[in-house]
């Protein structure tokens, strides 16, 4: 197929014999110091093979031109001929692809960075908009992005790599596509561009990671997604990501990594705000057999799944040292480190304890005095009102505060129609019970009457 969009042309003349003769002669001229003469000889022959639609011979000539320029270490001439040969009218796509593939091999053999950048720029220019060399262009772009990153220009490196839409490349292997997307995500993360990171991450289907051969890519992907979730403060999402890491076969095979991943799952499940999904996830984690190998985290999870009040002072005595500093048998996770992020997480955990206690109070009380509730929560009245108000606004708890009386009511007020429906339902239940009782009484009377009649008949006989 030709490079100018025309339909494929059938080979008209076979120039393989001429090429077999001319190639050694041209290389001999190049080795003798007459490189331009050798190239001129090949270029004249290239015109004949191209117009004759001899793809094999044209490919051999184009590759030979590139090789001769490289062996002569004439990088300027190499760049010029790459541009020249790709722009020729009716150039064959397969021949251009082979020439570009050969030139790409010389990128890493460039004598200095300036020469390397010029060659990459030339190759990216000649491959722009050409589907048949899209994979080569993507690889060159990745090399250019790594060079920019090495120079400290992360923003430019991210911008260069983001221009690639590798998910649309039909000729690229699926694993290589995912590697490119992961590299785009890594540069976005390094550039702290979390919005674009979120968008790019959706290009990868997590079903791809079901293949055990892709475990290394799966761990890289979830490592960056965990960083994104922590930045957004989405603890439930982070918990799910760590659970996916925990279920990875290579993590399951390593006992220490398995335990550490499960510790993270437990902590982030505890940090996540309460809702139905979070509650279901906590019970699923609690059912994991490996939880028995980390007893401290097991008891921590049970504290949040048991409908009992948790005293924060006692909670700190039981868990603060191991969660923040770790022990020889249970290393710290870093979730509650001395950093700003760690301190923020510890404050969030204290909020979760307060929220858990409010759920427990709402379960066992219909009404409670605000002063008594504050004592149970180890908070002031103002802090108690604030925490309760947030839960009510989030619609996770129903409550009404009577500030004049100082009473909190957790009982939802029913509408008149609901009250009427409840009354009607209760009356129906009562009448059903009365009917059943009457039926049982009649049954007993009939049984006793029958027994009495039989006893009379027996006495008479």
Protein backbone atom coordinates (compact mmCIF):
# COMPACT_ATOMS: atom_id res chain seq x y z
CA UNK A 1 0.00 0.00 0.00
CA UNK A 2 1.30 3.45 -0.85
CA UNK A 3 1.91 6.19 1.69
CA UNK A 4 -0.26 8.80 -0.07
CA UNK A 5 -3.51 6.89 0.51
CA UNK A 6 -3.82 5.25 -2.92
CA UNK A 7 -5.04 1.67 -3.23
CA UNK A 8 -2.44 -1.12 -3.06
CA UNK A 9 -0.62 -1.69 -6.32
CA UNK A 10 0.42 -5.09 -7.58
CA UNK A 11 4.18 -5.48 -8.17
CA UNK A 12 4.91 -4.80 -11.84
CA UNK A 13 8.66 -5.53 -11.99
CA UNK A 14 10.89 -7.65 -9.75
CA UNK A 15 14.08 -5.65 -9.01
CA UNK A 16 15.57 -8.17 -6.58
CA UNK A 17 18.42 -8.97 -8.98
CA UNK A 18 19.35 -5.29 -9.40
CA UNK A 19 19.15 -4.74 -5.65
CA UNK A 20 21.38 -7.77 -4.97
CA UNK A 21 23.99 -6.23 -7.23
CA UNK A 22 23.68 -2.59 -6.17
CA UNK A 23 23.60 -2.99 -2.39
CA UNK A 24 27.14 -4.43 -2.02
CA UNK A 25 28.50 -1.82 -4.43
CA UNK A 26 26.86 1.03 -2.52
CA UNK A 27 28.14 -0.27 0.81
CA UNK A 28 31.61 -0.63 -0.61
CA UNK A 29 31.53 3.02 -1.74
CA UNK A 30 30.37 4.08 1.73
CA UNK A 31 33.16 2.13 3.40
CA UNK A 32 35.65 3.78 1.03
CA UNK A 33 34.59 7.21 2.26
CA UNK A 34 32.26 7.99 -0.65
CA UNK A 35 29.01 7.79 1.31
CA UNK A 36 27.07 10.31 -0.77
CA UNK A 37 27.88 8.48 -4.00
CA UNK A 38 26.69 5.20 -2.50
CA UNK A 39 23.49 6.82 -1.28
CA UNK A 40 22.87 8.46 -4.67
CA UNK A 41 23.20 5.05 -6.33
CA UNK A 42 20.62 3.54 -3.99
CA UNK A 43 18.23 6.49 -4.27
CA UNK A 44 18.15 6.16 -8.07
CA UNK A 45 17.36 2.48 -7.73
CA UNK A 46 14.75 3.21 -5.02
CA UNK A 47 12.80 5.36 -7.47
CA UNK A 48 12.56 2.45 -9.90
CA UNK A 49 11.52 -0.10 -7.22
CA UNK A 50 8.95 2.32 -5.76
CA UNK A 51 7.32 3.12 -9.10
CA UNK A 52 7.40 -0.61 -9.92
CA UNK A 53 5.63 -1.37 -6.59
CA UNK A 54 8.36 -3.82 -5.55
CA UNK A 55 7.82 -3.62 -1.80
CA UNK A 56 10.52 -6.12 -0.80
CA UNK A 57 13.25 -4.45 -2.84
CA UNK A 58 12.18 -0.95 -1.71
CA UNK A 59 12.31 -2.06 1.91
CA UNK A 60 15.80 -3.46 1.48
CA UNK A 61 17.03 -0.21 -0.09
CA UNK A 62 15.50 2.03 2.60
CA UNK A 63 16.95 -0.10 5.39
CA UNK A 64 20.34 -0.11 3.64
CA UNK A 65 20.32 3.71 3.39
CA UNK A 66 19.69 4.00 7.12
CA UNK A 67 22.37 1.42 7.94
CA UNK A 68 24.99 3.15 5.76
CA UNK A 69 24.34 6.53 7.41
CA UNK A 70 24.57 4.98 10.86
CA UNK A 71 27.76 3.05 10.13
CA UNK A 72 29.31 6.26 8.83
CA UNK A 73 28.15 8.00 12.07
CA UNK A 74 26.67 10.75 9.92
CA UNK A 75 23.62 11.57 12.04
CA UNK A 76 22.68 14.70 10.10
CA UNK A 77 22.54 12.74 6.86
CA UNK A 78 20.51 10.01 8.60
CA UNK A 79 17.89 12.55 9.69
CA UNK A 80 17.76 14.12 6.22
CA UNK A 81 17.23 10.80 4.44
CA UNK A 82 14.55 9.70 6.90
CA UNK A 83 12.56 12.82 6.02
CA UNK A 84 13.35 12.54 2.31
CA UNK A 85 12.39 8.90 1.84
CA UNK A 86 9.10 9.10 3.76
CA UNK A 87 7.91 12.15 1.81
CA UNK A 88 8.47 10.67 -1.64
CA UNK A 89 5.31 10.32 -3.69
CA UNK A 90 3.74 6.87 -3.67
CA UNK A 91 6.12 5.57 -1.00
CA UNK A 92 5.19 2.06 0.17
CA UNK A 93 3.96 1.83 3.76
CA UNK A 94 5.62 -1.48 4.51
CA UNK A 95 8.96 -0.11 3.33
CA UNK A 96 8.59 3.00 5.53
CA UNK A 97 7.67 0.82 8.51
CA UNK A 98 10.79 -1.33 8.12
CA UNK A 99 13.00 1.75 7.72
CA UNK A 100 11.53 3.38 10.86
CA UNK A 101 11.90 0.17 12.84
CA UNK A 102 15.56 -0.01 11.85
CA UNK A 103 16.16 3.65 12.71
CA UNK A 104 14.55 3.18 16.13
CA UNK A 105 17.25 0.67 16.98
CA UNK A 106 19.86 3.42 16.66
CA UNK A 107 18.22 5.83 19.12
CA UNK A 108 19.88 4.30 22.18
CA UNK A 109 23.24 4.18 20.36
CA UNK A 110 23.37 7.94 19.83
CA UNK A 111 26.72 9.49 20.94
CA UNK A 112 25.13 12.30 22.99
CA UNK A 113 21.78 13.58 24.23
CA UNK A 114 21.47 16.31 21.59
CA UNK A 115 21.90 13.82 18.73
CA UNK A 116 19.47 11.45 20.40
CA UNK A 117 16.81 14.15 20.74
CA UNK A 118 17.23 15.21 17.09
CA UNK A 119 16.81 11.62 15.90
CA UNK A 120 13.73 11.12 18.11
CA UNK A 121 12.20 14.37 16.82
CA UNK A 122 12.85 13.33 13.22
CA UNK A 123 11.32 9.89 13.72
CA UNK A 124 8.30 11.35 15.53
CA UNK A 125 7.84 13.81 12.65
CA UNK A 126 7.91 11.13 9.95
CA UNK A 127 5.55 8.83 11.91
CA UNK A 128 2.99 11.54 12.73
CA UNK A 129 -0.50 10.49 11.63
CA UNK A 130 0.66 7.15 10.14
CA UNK A 131 -1.22 4.17 11.54
CA UNK A 132 1.28 1.62 10.22
CA UNK A 133 4.03 3.05 12.46
CA UNK A 134 1.89 4.12 15.45
CA UNK A 135 3.55 1.62 17.80
CA UNK A 136 7.04 2.87 16.93
CA UNK A 137 5.89 6.47 17.47
CA UNK A 138 4.45 5.56 20.87
CA UNK A 139 7.72 3.95 21.98
CA UNK A 140 9.72 6.95 20.81
CA UNK A 141 7.37 9.30 22.65
CA UNK A 142 7.82 7.29 25.82
CA UNK A 143 11.61 7.57 25.51
CA UNK A 144 11.31 11.33 24.99
CA UNK A 145 9.08 11.65 28.06
CA UNK A 146 11.61 9.72 30.17
CA UNK A 147 14.38 12.05 28.97
CA UNK A 148 12.32 15.11 29.95
CA UNK A 149 11.59 13.55 33.33
CA UNK A 150 15.29 12.88 33.82
CA UNK A 151 15.94 16.57 33.19
CA UNK A 152 13.43 17.42 35.94
CA UNK A 153 10.71 18.74 33.63
CA UNK A 154 7.92 16.45 34.85
CA UNK A 155 5.12 18.69 33.55
CA UNK A 156 6.50 18.58 30.02
CA UNK A 157 7.09 14.81 30.25
CA UNK A 158 3.48 14.28 31.32
CA UNK A 159 2.19 16.52 28.53
CA UNK A 160 4.22 14.69 25.87
CA UNK A 161 3.01 11.25 26.95
CA UNK A 162 -0.62 12.33 27.35
CA UNK A 163 -0.80 13.13 23.65
CA UNK A 164 -0.76 9.39 22.96
CA UNK A 165 -4.13 7.63 22.80
CA UNK A 166 -2.67 4.12 22.96
CA UNK A 167 -6.04 2.56 23.81
CA UNK A 168 -7.01 3.09 20.14
CA UNK A 169 -3.89 1.38 18.73
CA UNK A 170 -4.98 -1.86 17.11
CA UNK A 171 -1.47 -3.13 16.38
CA UNK A 172 -0.16 -2.77 19.94
CA UNK A 173 -0.13 -5.67 22.37
CA UNK A 174 -2.65 -5.32 25.21
CA UNK A 175 -0.01 -5.59 27.93
CA UNK A 176 2.08 -2.88 26.28
CA UNK A 177 -1.01 -0.65 26.08
CA UNK A 178 -1.56 -1.03 29.83
CA UNK A 179 2.12 -0.29 30.49
CA UNK A 180 1.82 2.96 28.51
CA UNK A 181 -1.33 3.98 30.38
CA UNK A 182 0.31 3.17 33.71
CA UNK A 183 3.25 5.36 32.70
CA UNK A 184 0.83 8.18 31.89
CA UNK A 185 -0.76 7.71 35.32
CA UNK A 186 2.64 7.72 37.03
CA UNK A 187 3.64 11.01 35.43
CA UNK A 188 0.26 12.56 36.30
CA UNK A 189 0.78 11.47 39.90
CA UNK A 190 4.31 12.90 39.91
CA UNK A 191 2.90 16.14 38.49
CA UNK A 192 0.10 16.07 41.12
CA UNK A 193 -2.52 16.21 38.36
CA UNK A 194 -5.08 14.08 40.21
CA UNK A 195 -8.04 15.01 37.99
CA UNK A 196 -6.31 13.75 34.84
CA UNK A 197 -5.04 10.71 36.75
CA UNK A 198 -8.65 9.79 37.58
CA UNK A 199 -9.66 10.17 33.91
CA UNK A 200 -6.74 8.12 32.55
CA UNK A 201 -7.24 5.33 35.10
CA UNK A 202 -10.69 4.60 33.63
CA UNK A 203 -9.03 3.52 30.36
CA UNK A 204 -7.90 0.31 32.07
CA UNK A 205 -10.45 -2.44 32.70
CA UNK A 206 -9.73 -4.26 35.96
CA UNK A 207 -10.77 -7.50 34.26
CA UNK A 208 -7.41 -7.36 32.51
CA UNK A 209 -5.76 -8.06 35.89
CA UNK A 210 -7.65 -11.34 36.33
CA UNK A 211 -4.83 -12.95 34.33
CA UNK A 212 -2.16 -14.11 36.81
CA UNK A 213 0.55 -13.13 34.30
CA UNK A 214 -0.32 -9.45 34.83
CA UNK A 215 0.24 -9.36 38.61
CA UNK A 216 3.11 -6.85 38.39
CA UNK A 217 0.96 -4.41 36.40
CA UNK A 218 -1.96 -4.96 38.78
CA UNK A 219 0.16 -3.97 41.79
CA UNK A 220 1.48 -0.87 39.99
CA UNK A 221 -2.06 0.15 39.05
CA UNK A 222 -3.49 -0.23 42.54
CA UNK A 223 -0.49 1.51 44.12
CA UNK A 224 -1.33 4.66 42.14
CA UNK A 225 -5.08 4.29 42.71
CA UNK A 226 -4.43 4.07 46.46
CA UNK A 227 -2.44 7.32 46.29
CA UNK A 228 -5.34 8.94 44.42
CA UNK A 229 -7.89 7.68 46.96
CA UNK A 230 -5.82 8.92 49.90
CA UNK A 231 -5.49 12.35 48.28
CA UNK A 232 -9.28 12.52 47.82
CA UNK A 233 -9.90 11.21 51.34
CA UNK A 234 -12.03 8.37 49.96
CA UNK A 235 -11.22 5.71 52.57
CA UNK A 236 -13.76 3.16 51.34
CA UNK A 237 -12.26 3.20 47.84
CA UNK A 238 -8.75 2.83 49.30
CA UNK A 239 -9.99 -0.14 51.34
CA UNK A 240 -11.32 -1.80 48.16
CA UNK A 241 -8.00 -1.22 46.39
CA UNK A 242 -6.02 -2.77 49.26
CA UNK A 243 -8.44 -5.70 49.26
CA UNK A 244 -7.71 -6.24 45.55
CA UNK A 245 -3.98 -6.16 46.38
CA UNK A 246 -4.55 -8.63 49.22
CA UNK A 247 -6.29 -11.06 46.85
CA UNK A 248 -3.40 -11.00 44.34
CA UNK A 249 -1.74 -14.47 44.14
CA UNK A 250 1.83 -13.18 44.57
CA UNK A 251 0.76 -11.32 47.75
CA UNK A 252 -1.06 -14.40 49.03
CA UNK A 253 2.12 -16.44 48.64
CA UNK A 254 4.15 -14.02 50.81
CA UNK A 255 2.93 -14.26 54.41
CA UNK A 256 4.30 -10.88 55.56
CA UNK A 257 2.95 -9.00 52.54
CA UNK A 258 -0.40 -10.74 52.97
CA UNK A 259 -0.63 -9.65 56.60
CA UNK A 260 0.44 -6.09 55.82
CA UNK A 261 -2.16 -5.78 53.05
CA UNK A 262 -4.87 -7.10 55.38
CA UNK A 263 -3.83 -4.59 58.06
CA UNK A 264 -4.36 -1.78 55.56
CA UNK A 265 -7.75 -3.23 54.55
CA UNK A 266 -8.83 -3.30 58.22
CA UNK A 267 -7.69 0.24 58.99
CA UNK A 268 -9.24 1.88 55.93
CA UNK A 269 -12.49 -0.05 56.43
CA UNK A 270 -12.56 1.39 59.95
CA UNK A 271 -11.78 4.90 58.67
CA UNK A 272 -14.56 4.87 56.05
CA UNK A 273 -17.79 6.68 57.01
CA UNK A 274 -20.65 4.37 57.95
CA UNK A 275 -23.13 3.27 55.27
CA UNK A 276 -24.55 -0.03 54.02
CA UNK A 277 -21.62 -0.71 51.69
CA UNK A 278 -19.05 0.02 54.39
CA UNK A 279 -20.87 -2.19 56.89
CA UNK A 280 -21.05 -5.06 54.39
CA UNK A 281 -17.35 -4.69 53.57
CA UNK A 282 -16.35 -4.75 57.25
CA UNK A 283 -18.22 -8.02 57.79
CA UNK A 284 -16.60 -9.51 54.68
CA UNK A 285 -13.15 -8.56 55.97
CA UNK A 286 -14.03 -9.94 59.40
CA UNK A 287 -14.84 -13.29 57.78
CA UNK A 288 -11.34 -13.59 56.26
CA UNK A 289 -9.45 -16.53 57.79
CA UNK A 290 -6.19 -14.59 57.79
CA UNK A 291 -7.66 -12.09 60.28
CA UNK A 292 -6.76 -14.58 63.02
CA UNK A 293 -3.06 -14.00 62.24
CA UNK A 294 -3.38 -10.30 63.20
CA UNK A 295 -5.33 -10.48 66.51
CA UNK A 296 -5.05 -6.76 67.36
CA UNK A 297 -6.66 -5.74 64.09
CA UNK A 298 -9.27 -8.48 64.51
CA UNK A 299 -10.38 -7.08 67.88
CA UNK A 300 -10.32 -3.55 66.39
CA UNK A 301 -12.71 -4.61 63.65
CA UNK A 302 -14.96 -6.36 66.17
CA UNK A 303 -15.20 -3.12 68.15
CA UNK A 304 -16.81 -1.44 65.14
CA UNK A 305 -19.11 -4.35 64.26
CA UNK A 306 -20.40 -4.97 67.79
CA UNK A 307 -23.32 -2.86 69.03
CA UNK A 308 -21.50 -1.67 72.13
CA UNK A 309 -20.12 1.72 73.16
CA UNK A 310 -16.38 2.29 72.66
CA UNK A 311 -14.58 4.55 75.13
CA UNK A 312 -11.98 6.61 73.25
CA UNK A 313 -9.55 6.72 76.20
CA UNK A 314 -9.67 2.93 76.53
CA UNK A 315 -9.45 2.59 72.75
CA UNK A 316 -6.22 4.62 72.70
CA UNK A 317 -4.72 2.52 75.50
CA UNK A 318 -5.49 -0.69 73.61
CA UNK A 319 -4.50 0.25 70.06
CA UNK A 320 -2.60 3.56 69.75
CA UNK A 321 0.91 2.17 70.30
CA UNK A 322 0.58 -0.73 67.86
CA UNK A 323 -1.28 1.23 65.18
CA UNK A 324 1.05 4.25 65.26
CA UNK A 325 4.45 2.74 66.13
CA UNK A 326 4.01 -0.99 65.54
CA UNK A 327 5.63 -3.91 67.34
CA UNK A 328 8.32 -6.44 66.31
CA UNK A 329 5.62 -8.98 65.42
CA UNK A 330 3.24 -6.40 63.90
CA UNK A 331 5.01 -3.62 61.94
CA UNK A 332 3.28 -0.25 61.64
CA UNK A 333 1.35 0.37 58.43
CA UNK A 334 2.22 4.07 58.19
CA UNK A 335 -1.47 5.01 58.07
CA UNK A 336 -1.14 6.73 61.47
CA UNK A 337 2.45 7.95 61.16
CA UNK A 338 3.76 11.18 62.69
CA UNK A 339 3.26 12.99 59.37
CA UNK A 340 0.47 15.47 58.72
CA UNK A 341 -1.44 12.83 56.76
CA UNK A 342 -1.05 10.32 59.60
CA UNK A 343 -2.33 12.77 62.20
CA UNK A 344 -5.29 13.57 59.98
CA UNK A 345 -6.13 9.85 59.72
CA UNK A 346 -5.95 9.48 63.52
CA UNK A 347 -8.43 12.33 63.97
CA UNK A 348 -10.71 10.66 61.42
CA UNK A 349 -10.52 7.43 63.42
CA UNK A 350 -11.64 9.29 66.56
CA UNK A 351 -14.60 10.65 64.57
CA UNK A 352 -15.49 7.13 63.45
CA UNK A 353 -15.51 5.99 67.10
CA UNK A 354 -17.87 8.84 68.02
CA UNK A 355 -20.14 8.02 65.05
CA UNK A 356 -20.18 4.34 66.04
CA UNK A 357 -21.21 5.29 69.57
CA UNK A 358 -24.04 7.50 68.24
CA UNK A 359 -25.34 4.56 66.15
CA UNK A 360 -25.32 2.36 69.26
CA UNK A 361 -27.16 5.00 71.33
CA UNK A 362 -29.73 5.44 68.55
CA UNK A 363 -30.30 1.67 68.54
CA UNK A 364 -30.97 1.35 72.29
CA UNK A 365 -32.65 4.69 73.09
CA UNK A 366 -35.78 6.37 71.79
CA UNK A 367 -35.08 9.48 73.87
CA UNK A 368 -32.03 10.59 75.85
CA UNK A 369 -30.94 13.76 77.58
CA UNK A 370 -28.22 15.64 75.70
CA UNK A 371 -26.09 15.84 78.86
CA UNK A 372 -26.23 12.06 79.32
CA UNK A 373 -25.42 11.50 75.66
CA UNK A 374 -22.41 13.83 75.91
CA UNK A 375 -21.15 11.85 78.93
CA UNK A 376 -21.48 8.57 77.02
CA UNK A 377 -19.56 10.03 74.05
CA UNK A 378 -16.86 11.70 76.21
CA UNK A 379 -17.61 15.00 74.46
CA UNK A 380 -18.94 18.40 75.38
CA UNK A 381 -22.59 19.24 74.65
CA UNK A 382 -21.57 21.49 71.74
CA UNK A 383 -19.37 18.78 70.18
CA UNK A 384 -22.13 16.20 70.66
CA UNK A 385 -24.65 18.43 68.88
CA UNK A 386 -22.20 19.04 66.02
CA UNK A 387 -21.41 15.34 65.47
CA UNK A 388 -25.07 14.36 65.71
CA UNK A 389 -26.09 17.12 63.29
CA UNK A 390 -23.58 15.91 60.67
CA UNK A 391 -24.98 12.38 60.82
CA UNK A 392 -28.54 13.65 60.55
CA UNK A 393 -27.65 15.80 57.54
CA UNK A 394 -25.97 12.77 55.93
CA UNK A 395 -29.21 10.83 56.61
CA UNK A 396 -27.41 7.98 58.35
CA UNK A 397 -29.25 8.62 61.63
CA UNK A 398 -32.68 10.08 62.37
CA UNK A 399 -32.74 12.42 65.38
CA UNK A 400 -34.46 15.56 66.66
CA UNK A 401 -32.97 17.81 69.36
CA UNK A 402 -35.21 19.73 71.76
CA UNK A 403 -32.75 22.31 73.05
CA UNK A 404 -35.17 23.85 75.57
CA UNK A 405 -35.84 20.49 77.21
CA UNK A 406 -32.32 19.20 76.49
CA UNK A 407 -33.65 15.97 74.99
CA UNK A 408 -32.63 14.07 71.85
CA UNK A 409 -35.33 11.93 70.24
CA UNK A 410 -34.38 9.08 67.89
CA UNK A 411 -37.97 8.02 67.27
CA UNK A 412 -39.23 8.96 63.83
CA UNK A 413 -42.58 10.75 63.94
CA UNK A 414 -45.24 9.06 61.85
CA UNK A 415 -47.64 10.93 59.60
CA UNK A 416 -51.42 10.71 60.27
CA UNK A 417 -51.90 8.34 57.36
CA UNK A 418 -49.10 6.11 58.65
CA UNK A 419 -50.63 6.10 62.13
CA UNK A 420 -53.99 5.13 60.66
CA UNK A 421 -52.41 2.35 58.63
CA UNK A 422 -50.60 1.04 61.72
CA UNK A 423 -53.85 1.15 63.73
CA UNK A 424 -55.70 -0.72 60.98
CA UNK A 425 -52.92 -3.33 60.80
CA UNK A 426 -52.98 -3.79 64.58
CA UNK A 427 -56.80 -4.17 64.59
CA UNK A 428 -56.56 -6.80 61.86
CA UNK A 429 -53.94 -8.70 63.86
CA UNK A 430 -56.11 -8.48 66.99
CA UNK A 431 -59.22 -9.76 65.21
CA UNK A 432 -57.23 -12.58 63.64
CA UNK A 433 -55.99 -13.54 67.10
CA UNK A 434 -59.56 -13.42 68.52
CA UNK A 435 -60.86 -15.60 65.67
CA UNK A 436 -58.08 -18.11 66.18
CA UNK A 437 -58.76 -18.20 69.94
CA UNK A 438 -62.50 -18.79 69.37
CA UNK A 439 -61.71 -21.57 66.92
CA UNK A 440 -59.43 -23.28 69.44
CA UNK A 441 -62.07 -22.96 72.20
CA UNK A 442 -64.74 -24.51 69.99
CA UNK A 443 -62.34 -27.28 69.06
CA UNK A 444 -61.64 -28.08 72.72
CA UNK A 445 -65.36 -28.03 73.55
CA UNK A 446 -66.10 -30.48 70.72
CA UNK A 447 -63.30 -32.78 71.86
CA UNK A 448 -64.51 -32.79 75.47
CA UNK A 449 -68.13 -33.29 74.34
CA UNK A 450 -67.11 -36.28 72.23
CA UNK A 451 -65.09 -37.80 75.08
CA UNK A 452 -68.04 -37.34 77.48
CA UNK A 453 -70.44 -39.05 75.08
CA UNK A 454 -68.08 -42.01 74.67
CA UNK A 455 -67.74 -42.32 78.44
CA UNK A 456 -71.58 -42.44 78.84
CA UNK A 457 -71.91 -45.12 76.14
CA UNK A 458 -69.25 -47.22 77.84
CA UNK A 459 -70.98 -46.89 81.25
CA UNK A 460 -74.36 -47.85 79.77
CA UNK A 461 -72.91 -50.93 78.08
